[in-house]
Amino acid sequence: MLYSAPVRQRLVELAAAARTRGDGGAFVVALREFDHRLRVYPQFGEPLVDLLAEAGQVRLGAVPPLAMRYGVLEERRLVLVAVPPVLLPKRVEE
């Protein structure tokens, strides 16, 4: 699995933003879960578009409070995360 440099930088920024708003722990758990899922079963997210150059898809996955778009190249068993991730709105405790 490959995370681009802009994605890695954005994850650092999002971790700081999550800590500031009070859900830094949830962010760390989500990031670890995301990484695990992408390594074990990258097809867990919703398919957005099929790739034309080779067999694969662009998918959208979410493990609150984190969402990422990523490419899955199935024949090469490669996952590419190149689009900066998004911090989802904080869950309201009831």
PDB file of N, CA and C in Angstrom:
ATOM      1  N   MET A   1       0.851  -1.166   0.000  1.00  0.00           N
ATOM      2  CA  MET A   1       0.000   0.000   0.000  1.00  0.00           C
ATOM      3  C   MET A   1       0.898   1.230   0.000  1.00  0.00           C
ATOM      4  N   LEU A   2       0.480   2.213  -0.785  1.00  0.00           N
ATOM      5  CA  LEU A   2       1.271   3.435  -0.901  1.00  0.00           C
ATOM      6  C   LEU A   2       0.432   4.653  -0.532  1.00  0.00           C
ATOM      7  N   TYR A   3       0.948   5.448   0.401  1.00  0.00           N
ATOM      8  CA  TYR A   3       0.354   6.745   0.748  1.00  0.00           C
ATOM      9  C   TYR A   3       1.241   7.815   0.118  1.00  0.00           C
ATOM     10  N   SER A   4       0.659   8.706  -0.657  1.00  0.00           N
ATOM     11  CA  SER A   4       1.456   9.777  -1.257  1.00  0.00           C
ATOM     12  C   SER A   4       1.919  10.744  -0.169  1.00  0.00           C
ATOM     13  N   ALA A   5       2.942  11.525  -0.478  1.00  0.00           N
ATOM     14  CA  ALA A   5       3.454  12.519   0.476  1.00  0.00           C
ATOM     15  C   ALA A   5       2.372  13.520   0.879  1.00  0.00           C
ATOM     16  N   PRO A   6       1.555  14.045  -0.058  1.00  0.00           N
ATOM     17  CA  PRO A   6       0.484  14.966   0.368  1.00  0.00           C
ATOM     18  C   PRO A   6      -0.529  14.297   1.304  1.00  0.00           C
ATOM     19  N   VAL A   7      -0.794  13.020   1.110  1.00  0.00           N
ATOM     20  CA  VAL A   7      -1.714  12.303   2.000  1.00  0.00           C
ATOM     21  C   VAL A   7      -1.105  12.179   3.390  1.00  0.00           C
ATOM     22  N   ARG A   8       0.164  11.809   3.452  1.00  0.00           N
ATOM     23  CA  ARG A   8       0.826  11.688   4.770  1.00  0.00           C
ATOM     24  C   ARG A   8       0.827  13.028   5.496  1.00  0.00           C
ATOM     25  N   GLN A   9       1.118  14.109   4.774  1.00  0.00           N
ATOM     26  CA  GLN A   9       1.111  15.436   5.384  1.00  0.00           C
ATOM     27  C   GLN A   9      -0.293  15.808   5.855  1.00  0.00           C
ATOM     28  N   ARG A  10      -1.294  15.505   5.046  1.00  0.00           N
ATOM     29  CA  ARG A  10      -2.676  15.821   5.416  1.00  0.00           C
ATOM     30  C   ARG A  10      -3.113  15.020   6.637  1.00  0.00           C
ATOM     31  N   LEU A  11      -2.673  13.790   6.754  1.00  0.00           N
ATOM     32  CA  LEU A  11      -3.002  12.987   7.938  1.00  0.00           C
ATOM     33  C   LEU A  11      -2.440  13.615   9.204  1.00  0.00           C
ATOM     34  N   VAL A  12      -1.235  14.160   9.119  1.00  0.00           N
ATOM     35  CA  VAL A  12      -0.644  14.856  10.267  1.00  0.00           C
ATOM     36  C   VAL A  12      -1.505  16.065  10.637  1.00  0.00           C
ATOM     37  N   GLU A  13      -1.915  16.825   9.624  1.00  0.00           N
ATOM     38  CA  GLU A  13      -2.760  17.999   9.864  1.00  0.00           C
ATOM     39  C   GLU A  13      -4.115  17.614  10.446  1.00  0.00           C
ATOM     40  N   LEU A  14      -4.710  16.556   9.922  1.00  0.00           N
ATOM     41  CA  LEU A  14      -6.017  16.113  10.416  1.00  0.00           C
ATOM     42  C   LEU A  14      -5.927  15.579  11.839  1.00  0.00           C
ATOM     43  N   ALA A  15      -4.827  14.913  12.166  1.00  0.00           N
ATOM     44  CA  ALA A  15      -4.637  14.430  13.540  1.00  0.00           C
ATOM     45  C   ALA A  15      -4.610  15.603  14.509  1.00  0.00           C
ATOM     46  N   ALA A  16      -3.927  16.682  14.133  1.00  0.00           N
ATOM     47  CA  ALA A  16      -3.880  17.871  14.989  1.00  0.00           C
ATOM     48  C   ALA A  16      -5.265  18.500  15.109  1.00  0.00           C
ATOM     49  N   ALA A  17      -5.993  18.576  14.003  1.00  0.00           N
ATOM     50  CA  ALA A  17      -7.344  19.143  14.036  1.00  0.00           C
ATOM     51  C   ALA A  17      -8.271  18.292  14.898  1.00  0.00           C
ATOM     52  N   ALA A  18      -8.156  16.983  14.799  1.00  0.00           N
ATOM     53  CA  ALA A  18      -8.987  16.088  15.611  1.00  0.00           C
ATOM     54  C   ALA A  18      -8.663  16.245  17.099  1.00  0.00           C
ATOM     55  N   ARG A  19      -7.378  16.361  17.429  1.00  0.00           N
ATOM     56  CA  ARG A  19      -7.003  16.585  18.841  1.00  0.00           C
ATOM     57  C   ARG A  19      -7.601  17.885  19.349  1.00  0.00           C
ATOM     58  N   THR A  20      -7.535  18.925  18.522  1.00  0.00           N
ATOM     59  CA  THR A  20      -8.046  20.233  18.920  1.00  0.00           C
ATOM     60  C   THR A  20      -9.547  20.184  19.189  1.00  0.00           C
ATOM     61  N   ARG A  21     -10.276  19.441  18.387  1.00  0.00           N
ATOM     62  CA  ARG A  21     -11.729  19.404  18.569  1.00  0.00           C
ATOM     63  C   ARG A  21     -12.175  18.323  19.553  1.00  0.00           C
ATOM     64  N   GLY A  22     -11.223  17.547  20.058  1.00  0.00           N
ATOM     65  CA  GLY A  22     -11.540  16.615  21.132  1.00  0.00           C
ATOM     66  C   GLY A  22     -11.760  15.171  20.735  1.00  0.00           C
ATOM     67  N   ASP A  23     -11.479  14.807  19.499  1.00  0.00           N
ATOM     68  CA  ASP A  23     -11.618  13.402  19.126  1.00  0.00           C
ATOM     69  C   ASP A  23     -10.341  12.836  18.506  1.00  0.00           C
ATOM     70  N   GLY A  24      -9.219  13.262  19.067  1.00  0.00           N
ATOM     71  CA  GLY A  24      -7.928  12.774  18.593  1.00  0.00           C
ATOM     72  C   GLY A  24      -7.769  11.282  18.767  1.00  0.00           C
ATOM     73  N   GLY A  25      -8.268  10.753  19.874  1.00  0.00           N
ATOM     74  CA  GLY A  25      -8.189   9.311  20.112  1.00  0.00           C
ATOM     75  C   GLY A  25      -8.974   8.529  19.074  1.00  0.00           C
ATOM     76  N   ALA A  26     -10.161   9.001  18.753  1.00  0.00           N
ATOM     77  CA  ALA A  26     -10.991   8.345  17.738  1.00  0.00           C
ATOM     78  C   ALA A  26     -10.308   8.408  16.372  1.00  0.00           C
ATOM     79  N   PHE A  27      -9.618   9.515  16.097  1.00  0.00           N
ATOM     80  CA  PHE A  27      -8.908   9.648  14.826  1.00  0.00           C
ATOM     81  C   PHE A  27      -7.802   8.599  14.722  1.00  0.00           C
ATOM     82  N   VAL A  28      -7.033   8.431  15.770  1.00  0.00           N
ATOM     83  CA  VAL A  28      -5.936   7.454  15.762  1.00  0.00           C
ATOM     84  C   VAL A  28      -6.491   6.044  15.562  1.00  0.00           C
ATOM     85  N   VAL A  29      -7.569   5.715  16.271  1.00  0.00           N
ATOM     86  CA  VAL A  29      -8.196   4.399  16.116  1.00  0.00           C
ATOM     87  C   VAL A  29      -8.681   4.216  14.683  1.00  0.00           C
ATOM     88  N   ALA A  30      -9.325   5.249  14.116  1.00  0.00           N
ATOM     89  CA  ALA A  30      -9.830   5.172  12.748  1.00  0.00           C
ATOM     90  C   ALA A  30      -8.690   4.997  11.746  1.00  0.00           C
ATOM     91  N   LEU A  31      -7.612   5.729  11.924  1.00  0.00           N
ATOM     92  CA  LEU A  31      -6.475   5.617  11.004  1.00  0.00           C
ATOM     93  C   LEU A  31      -5.871   4.220  11.049  1.00  0.00           C
ATOM     94  N   ARG A  32      -5.725   3.662  12.230  1.00  0.00           N
ATOM     95  CA  ARG A  32      -5.189   2.298  12.345  1.00  0.00           C
ATOM     96  C   ARG A  32      -6.138   1.287  11.692  1.00  0.00           C
ATOM     97  N   GLU A  33      -7.436   1.461  11.920  1.00  0.00           N
ATOM     98  CA  GLU A  33      -8.422   0.557  11.327  1.00  0.00           C
ATOM     99  C   GLU A  33      -8.432   0.680   9.806  1.00  0.00           C
ATOM    100  N   PHE A  34      -8.357   1.911   9.323  1.00  0.00           N
ATOM    101  CA  PHE A  34      -8.309   2.153   7.886  1.00  0.00           C
ATOM    102  C   PHE A  34      -7.105   1.449   7.281  1.00  0.00           C
ATOM    103  N   ASP A  35      -5.950   1.647   7.880  1.00  0.00           N
ATOM    104  CA  ASP A  35      -4.728   1.032   7.372  1.00  0.00           C
ATOM    105  C   ASP A  35      -4.861  -0.486   7.362  1.00  0.00           C
ATOM    106  N   HIS A  36      -5.403  -1.050   8.421  1.00  0.00           N
ATOM    107  CA  HIS A  36      -5.603  -2.497   8.503  1.00  0.00           C
ATOM    108  C   HIS A  36      -6.539  -2.974   7.399  1.00  0.00           C
ATOM    109  N   ARG A  37      -7.666  -2.300   7.228  1.00  0.00           N
ATOM    110  CA  ARG A  37      -8.629  -2.710   6.200  1.00  0.00           C
ATOM    111  C   ARG A  37      -8.034  -2.617   4.800  1.00  0.00           C
ATOM    112  N   LEU A  38      -7.293  -1.556   4.533  1.00  0.00           N
ATOM    113  CA  LEU A  38      -6.705  -1.414   3.203  1.00  0.00           C
ATOM    114  C   LEU A  38      -5.682  -2.506   2.921  1.00  0.00           C
ATOM    115  N   ARG A  39      -5.024  -2.981   3.949  1.00  0.00           N
ATOM    116  CA  ARG A  39      -4.045  -4.058   3.770  1.00  0.00           C
ATOM    117  C   ARG A  39      -4.711  -5.421   3.617  1.00  0.00           C
ATOM    118  N   VAL A  40      -5.800  -5.648   4.358  1.00  0.00           N
ATOM    119  CA  VAL A  40      -6.441  -6.961   4.380  1.00  0.00           C
ATOM    120  C   VAL A  40      -7.560  -7.081   3.341  1.00  0.00           C
ATOM    121  N   TYR A  41      -8.409  -6.068   3.253  1.00  0.00           N
ATOM    122  CA  TYR A  41      -9.564  -6.127   2.354  1.00  0.00           C
ATOM    123  C   TYR A  41      -9.863  -4.730   1.811  1.00  0.00           C
ATOM    124  N   PRO A  42      -9.078  -4.276   0.828  1.00  0.00           N
ATOM    125  CA  PRO A  42      -9.230  -2.898   0.341  1.00  0.00           C
ATOM    126  C   PRO A  42     -10.550  -2.613  -0.348  1.00  0.00           C
ATOM    127  N   GLN A  43     -11.316  -3.639  -0.697  1.00  0.00           N
ATOM    128  CA  GLN A  43     -12.591  -3.425  -1.351  1.00  0.00           C
ATOM    129  C   GLN A  43     -13.697  -3.058  -0.358  1.00  0.00           C
ATOM    130  N   PHE A  44     -13.359  -2.751   0.894  1.00  0.00           N
ATOM    131  CA  PHE A  44     -14.385  -2.467   1.894  1.00  0.00           C
ATOM    132  C   PHE A  44     -15.174  -1.199   1.597  1.00  0.00           C
ATOM    133  N   GLY A  45     -14.614  -0.262   0.888  1.00  0.00           N
ATOM    134  CA  GLY A  45     -15.294   1.006   0.617  1.00  0.00           C
ATOM    135  C   GLY A  45     -16.269   0.905  -0.546  1.00  0.00           C
ATOM    136  N   GLU A  46     -16.897   2.015  -0.832  1.00  0.00           N
ATOM    137  CA  GLU A  46     -17.852   2.088  -1.929  1.00  0.00           C
ATOM    138  C   GLU A  46     -17.112   2.354  -3.243  1.00  0.00           C
ATOM    139  N   PRO A  47     -17.417   1.593  -4.293  1.00  0.00           N
ATOM    140  CA  PRO A  47     -16.785   1.857  -5.583  1.00  0.00           C
ATOM    141  C   PRO A  47     -17.317   3.159  -6.183  1.00  0.00           C
ATOM    142  N   LEU A  48     -16.409   3.986  -6.686  1.00  0.00           N
ATOM    143  CA  LEU A  48     -16.794   5.248  -7.317  1.00  0.00           C
ATOM    144  C   LEU A  48     -16.684   5.172  -8.833  1.00  0.00           C
ATOM    145  N   VAL A  49     -15.589   4.592  -9.315  1.00  0.00           N
ATOM    146  CA  VAL A  49     -15.356   4.522 -10.760  1.00  0.00           C
ATOM    147  C   VAL A  49     -14.404   3.362 -11.062  1.00  0.00           C
ATOM    148  N   ASP A  50     -14.649   2.714 -12.190  1.00  0.00           N
ATOM    149  CA  ASP A  50     -13.720   1.679 -12.655  1.00  0.00           C
ATOM    150  C   ASP A  50     -12.575   2.352 -13.387  1.00  0.00           C
ATOM    151  N   LEU A  51     -11.380   1.822 -13.204  1.00  0.00           N
ATOM    152  CA  LEU A  51     -10.210   2.340 -13.904  1.00  0.00           C
ATOM    153  C   LEU A  51     -10.177   1.791 -15.327  1.00  0.00           C
ATOM    154  N   LEU A  52      -9.653   2.580 -16.228  1.00  0.00           N
ATOM    155  CA  LEU A  52      -9.612   2.175 -17.631  1.00  0.00           C
ATOM    156  C   LEU A  52      -8.253   1.610 -18.044  1.00  0.00           C
ATOM    157  N   ALA A  53      -7.181   2.122 -17.482  1.00  0.00           N
ATOM    158  CA  ALA A  53      -5.844   1.718 -17.899  1.00  0.00           C
ATOM    159  C   ALA A  53      -5.501   0.293 -17.463  1.00  0.00           C
ATOM    160  N   GLU A  54      -6.017  -0.119 -16.310  1.00  0.00           N
ATOM    161  CA  GLU A  54      -5.832  -1.489 -15.852  1.00  0.00           C
ATOM    162  C   GLU A  54      -6.944  -1.837 -14.882  1.00  0.00           C
ATOM    163  N   ALA A  55      -7.103  -3.127 -14.610  1.00  0.00           N
ATOM    164  CA  ALA A  55      -8.202  -3.583 -13.770  1.00  0.00           C
ATOM    165  C   ALA A  55      -8.095  -2.987 -12.373  1.00  0.00           C
ATOM    166  N   GLY A  56      -9.124  -2.281 -11.975  1.00  0.00           N
ATOM    167  CA  GLY A  56      -9.155  -1.699 -10.650  1.00  0.00           C
ATOM    168  C   GLY A  56     -10.267  -0.687 -10.530  1.00  0.00           C
ATOM    169  N   GLN A  57     -10.336  -0.099  -9.357  1.00  0.00           N
ATOM    170  CA  GLN A  57     -11.376   0.879  -9.058  1.00  0.00           C
ATOM    171  C   GLN A  57     -10.831   1.976  -8.167  1.00  0.00           C
ATOM    172  N   VAL A  58     -11.509   3.114  -8.238  1.00  0.00           N
ATOM    173  CA  VAL A  58     -11.347   4.153  -7.234  1.00  0.00           C
ATOM    174  C   VAL A  58     -12.497   3.928  -6.261  1.00  0.00           C
ATOM    175  N   ARG A  59     -12.179   3.914  -4.970  1.00  0.00           N
ATOM    176  CA  ARG A  59     -13.185   3.626  -3.944  1.00  0.00           C
ATOM    177  C   ARG A  59     -13.158   4.715  -2.888  1.00  0.00           C
ATOM    178  N   LEU A  60     -14.244   4.802  -2.158  1.00  0.00           N
ATOM    179  CA  LEU A  60     -14.373   5.731  -1.038  1.00  0.00           C
ATOM    180  C   LEU A  60     -14.663   4.912   0.202  1.00  0.00           C
ATOM    181  N   GLY A  61     -13.796   5.050   1.191  1.00  0.00           N
ATOM    182  CA  GLY A  61     -13.986   4.339   2.442  1.00  0.00           C
ATOM    183  C   GLY A  61     -14.074   5.322   3.590  1.00  0.00           C
ATOM    184  N   ALA A  62     -14.827   4.941   4.594  1.00  0.00           N
ATOM    185  CA  ALA A  62     -14.957   5.787   5.779  1.00  0.00           C
ATOM    186  C   ALA A  62     -14.905   4.936   7.037  1.00  0.00           C
ATOM    187  N   VAL A  63     -14.087   5.383   7.956  1.00  0.00           N
ATOM    188  CA  VAL A  63     -14.046   4.863   9.317  1.00  0.00           C
ATOM    189  C   VAL A  63     -14.072   6.124  10.177  1.00  0.00           C
ATOM    190  N   PRO A  64     -15.261   6.534  10.623  1.00  0.00           N
ATOM    191  CA  PRO A  64     -15.377   7.824  11.316  1.00  0.00           C
ATOM    192  C   PRO A  64     -14.372   7.965  12.446  1.00  0.00           C
ATOM    193  N   PRO A  65     -13.731   9.119  12.496  1.00  0.00           N
ATOM    194  CA  PRO A  65     -14.023  10.372  11.799  1.00  0.00           C
ATOM    195  C   PRO A  65     -13.166  10.609  10.546  1.00  0.00           C
ATOM    196  N   LEU A  66     -12.746   9.552   9.863  1.00  0.00           N
ATOM    197  CA  LEU A  66     -11.842   9.682   8.726  1.00  0.00           C
ATOM    198  C   LEU A  66     -12.468   9.082   7.467  1.00  0.00           C
ATOM    199  N   ALA A  67     -12.307   9.774   6.342  1.00  0.00           N
ATOM    200  CA  ALA A  67     -12.765   9.257   5.050  1.00  0.00           C
ATOM    201  C   ALA A  67     -11.643   9.443   4.030  1.00  0.00           C
ATOM    202  N   MET A  68     -11.474   8.437   3.165  1.00  0.00           N
ATOM    203  CA  MET A  68     -10.418   8.506   2.152  1.00  0.00           C
ATOM    204  C   MET A  68     -10.903   7.910   0.838  1.00  0.00           C
ATOM    205  N   ARG A  69     -10.407   8.493  -0.259  1.00  0.00           N
ATOM    206  CA  ARG A  69     -10.561   7.906  -1.588  1.00  0.00           C
ATOM    207  C   ARG A  69      -9.240   7.241  -1.931  1.00  0.00           C
ATOM    208  N   TYR A  70      -9.321   6.081  -2.559  1.00  0.00           N
ATOM    209  CA  TYR A  70      -8.102   5.343  -2.864  1.00  0.00           C
ATOM    210  C   TYR A  70      -8.325   4.466  -4.083  1.00  0.00           C
ATOM    211  N   GLY A  71      -7.248   4.134  -4.750  1.00  0.00           N
ATOM    212  CA  GLY A  71      -7.307   3.256  -5.903  1.00  0.00           C
ATOM    213  C   GLY A  71      -6.872   1.860  -5.535  1.00  0.00           C
ATOM    214  N   VAL A  72      -7.578   0.883  -6.070  1.00  0.00           N
ATOM    215  CA  VAL A  72      -7.241  -0.520  -5.864  1.00  0.00           C
ATOM    216  C   VAL A  72      -6.920  -1.117  -7.234  1.00  0.00           C
ATOM    217  N   LEU A  73      -5.677  -1.510  -7.414  1.00  0.00           N
ATOM    218  CA  LEU A  73      -5.246  -2.183  -8.647  1.00  0.00           C
ATOM    219  C   LEU A  73      -5.233  -3.675  -8.345  1.00  0.00           C
ATOM    220  N   GLU A  74      -6.294  -4.325  -8.730  1.00  0.00           N
ATOM    221  CA  GLU A  74      -6.544  -5.691  -8.279  1.00  0.00           C
ATOM    222  C   GLU A  74      -5.505  -6.696  -8.744  1.00  0.00           C
ATOM    223  N   GLU A  75      -5.123  -6.654 -10.010  1.00  0.00           N
ATOM    224  CA  GLU A  75      -4.173  -7.652 -10.515  1.00  0.00           C
ATOM    225  C   GLU A  75      -2.810  -7.533  -9.844  1.00  0.00           C
ATOM    226  N   ARG A  76      -2.427  -6.307  -9.493  1.00  0.00           N
ATOM    227  CA  ARG A  76      -1.140  -6.097  -8.817  1.00  0.00           C
ATOM    228  C   ARG A  76      -1.271  -6.134  -7.299  1.00  0.00           C
ATOM    229  N   ARG A  77      -2.508  -6.264  -6.816  1.00  0.00           N
ATOM    230  CA  ARG A  77      -2.782  -6.255  -5.365  1.00  0.00           C
ATOM    231  C   ARG A  77      -2.139  -5.027  -4.710  1.00  0.00           C
ATOM    232  N   LEU A  78      -2.410  -3.874  -5.312  1.00  0.00           N
ATOM    233  CA  LEU A  78      -1.813  -2.622  -4.872  1.00  0.00           C
ATOM    234  C   LEU A  78      -2.910  -1.627  -4.531  1.00  0.00           C
ATOM    235  N   VAL A  79      -2.723  -0.941  -3.419  1.00  0.00           N
ATOM    236  CA  VAL A  79      -3.641   0.117  -2.999  1.00  0.00           C
ATOM    237  C   VAL A  79      -2.860   1.423  -2.996  1.00  0.00           C
ATOM    238  N   LEU A  80      -3.414   2.435  -3.656  1.00  0.00           N
ATOM    239  CA  LEU A  80      -2.785   3.750  -3.739  1.00  0.00           C
ATOM    240  C   LEU A  80      -3.702   4.784  -3.113  1.00  0.00           C
ATOM    241  N   VAL A  81      -3.192   5.478  -2.109  1.00  0.00           N
ATOM    242  CA  VAL A  81      -3.944   6.567  -1.488  1.00  0.00           C
ATOM    243  C   VAL A  81      -3.237   7.848  -1.896  1.00  0.00           C
ATOM    244  N   ALA A  82      -3.847   8.570  -2.850  1.00  0.00           N
ATOM    245  CA  ALA A  82      -3.201   9.761  -3.398  1.00  0.00           C
ATOM    246  C   ALA A  82      -4.009  11.026  -3.186  1.00  0.00           C
ATOM    247  N   VAL A  83      -5.291  10.888  -2.869  1.00  0.00           N
ATOM    248  CA  VAL A  83      -6.156  12.045  -2.646  1.00  0.00           C
ATOM    249  C   VAL A  83      -6.164  12.346  -1.145  1.00  0.00           C
ATOM    250  N   PRO A  84      -5.909  13.604  -0.754  1.00  0.00           N
ATOM    251  CA  PRO A  84      -5.893  13.919   0.673  1.00  0.00           C
ATOM    252  C   PRO A  84      -7.191  13.503   1.381  1.00  0.00           C
ATOM    253  N   PRO A  85      -7.059  12.854   2.545  1.00  0.00           N
ATOM    254  CA  PRO A  85      -8.229  12.393   3.290  1.00  0.00           C
ATOM    255  C   PRO A  85      -9.026  13.556   3.884  1.00  0.00           C
ATOM    256  N   VAL A  86     -10.198  13.211   4.411  1.00  0.00           N
ATOM    257  CA  VAL A  86     -11.122  14.196   4.962  1.00  0.00           C
ATOM    258  C   VAL A  86     -11.453  13.818   6.397  1.00  0.00           C
ATOM    259  N   LEU A  87     -11.534  14.825   7.252  1.00  0.00           N
ATOM    260  CA  LEU A  87     -11.990  14.644   8.623  1.00  0.00           C
ATOM    261  C   LEU A  87     -13.495  14.879   8.633  1.00  0.00           C
ATOM    262  N   LEU A  88     -14.248  13.853   8.997  1.00  0.00           N
ATOM    263  CA  LEU A  88     -15.703  13.959   9.026  1.00  0.00           C
ATOM    264  C   LEU A  88     -16.144  14.791  10.231  1.00  0.00           C
ATOM    265  N   PRO A  89     -17.357  15.330  10.195  1.00  0.00           N
ATOM    266  CA  PRO A  89     -17.850  16.097  11.340  1.00  0.00           C
ATOM    267  C   PRO A  89     -17.826  15.240  12.606  1.00  0.00           C
ATOM    268  N   LYS A  90     -17.570  15.900  13.706  1.00  0.00           N
ATOM    269  CA  LYS A  90     -17.505  15.206  14.997  1.00  0.00           C
ATOM    270  C   LYS A  90     -18.876  14.675  15.363  1.00  0.00           C
ATOM    271  N   ARG A  91     -18.892  13.449  15.853  1.00  0.00           N
ATOM    272  CA  ARG A  91     -20.143  12.836  16.312  1.00  0.00           C
ATOM    273  C   ARG A  91     -20.617  13.547  17.574  1.00  0.00           C
ATOM    274  N   VAL A  92     -21.898  13.741  17.642  1.00  0.00           N
ATOM    275  CA  VAL A  92     -22.499  14.360  18.820  1.00  0.00           C
ATOM    276  C   VAL A  92     -22.892  13.248  19.781  1.00  0.00           C
ATOM    277  N   GLU A  93     -22.364  13.311  20.993  1.00  0.00           N
ATOM    278  CA  GLU A  93     -22.697  12.323  22.025  1.00  0.00           C
ATOM    279  C   GLU A  93     -24.105  12.574  22.510  1.00  0.00           C
ATOM    280  N   GLU A  94     -24.864  11.491  22.658  1.00  0.00           N
ATOM    281  CA  GLU A  94     -26.236  11.651  23.148  1.00  0.00           C
ATOM    282  C   GLU A  94     -26.308  11.342  24.606  1.00  0.00           C
TER     283      GLU A  94
END
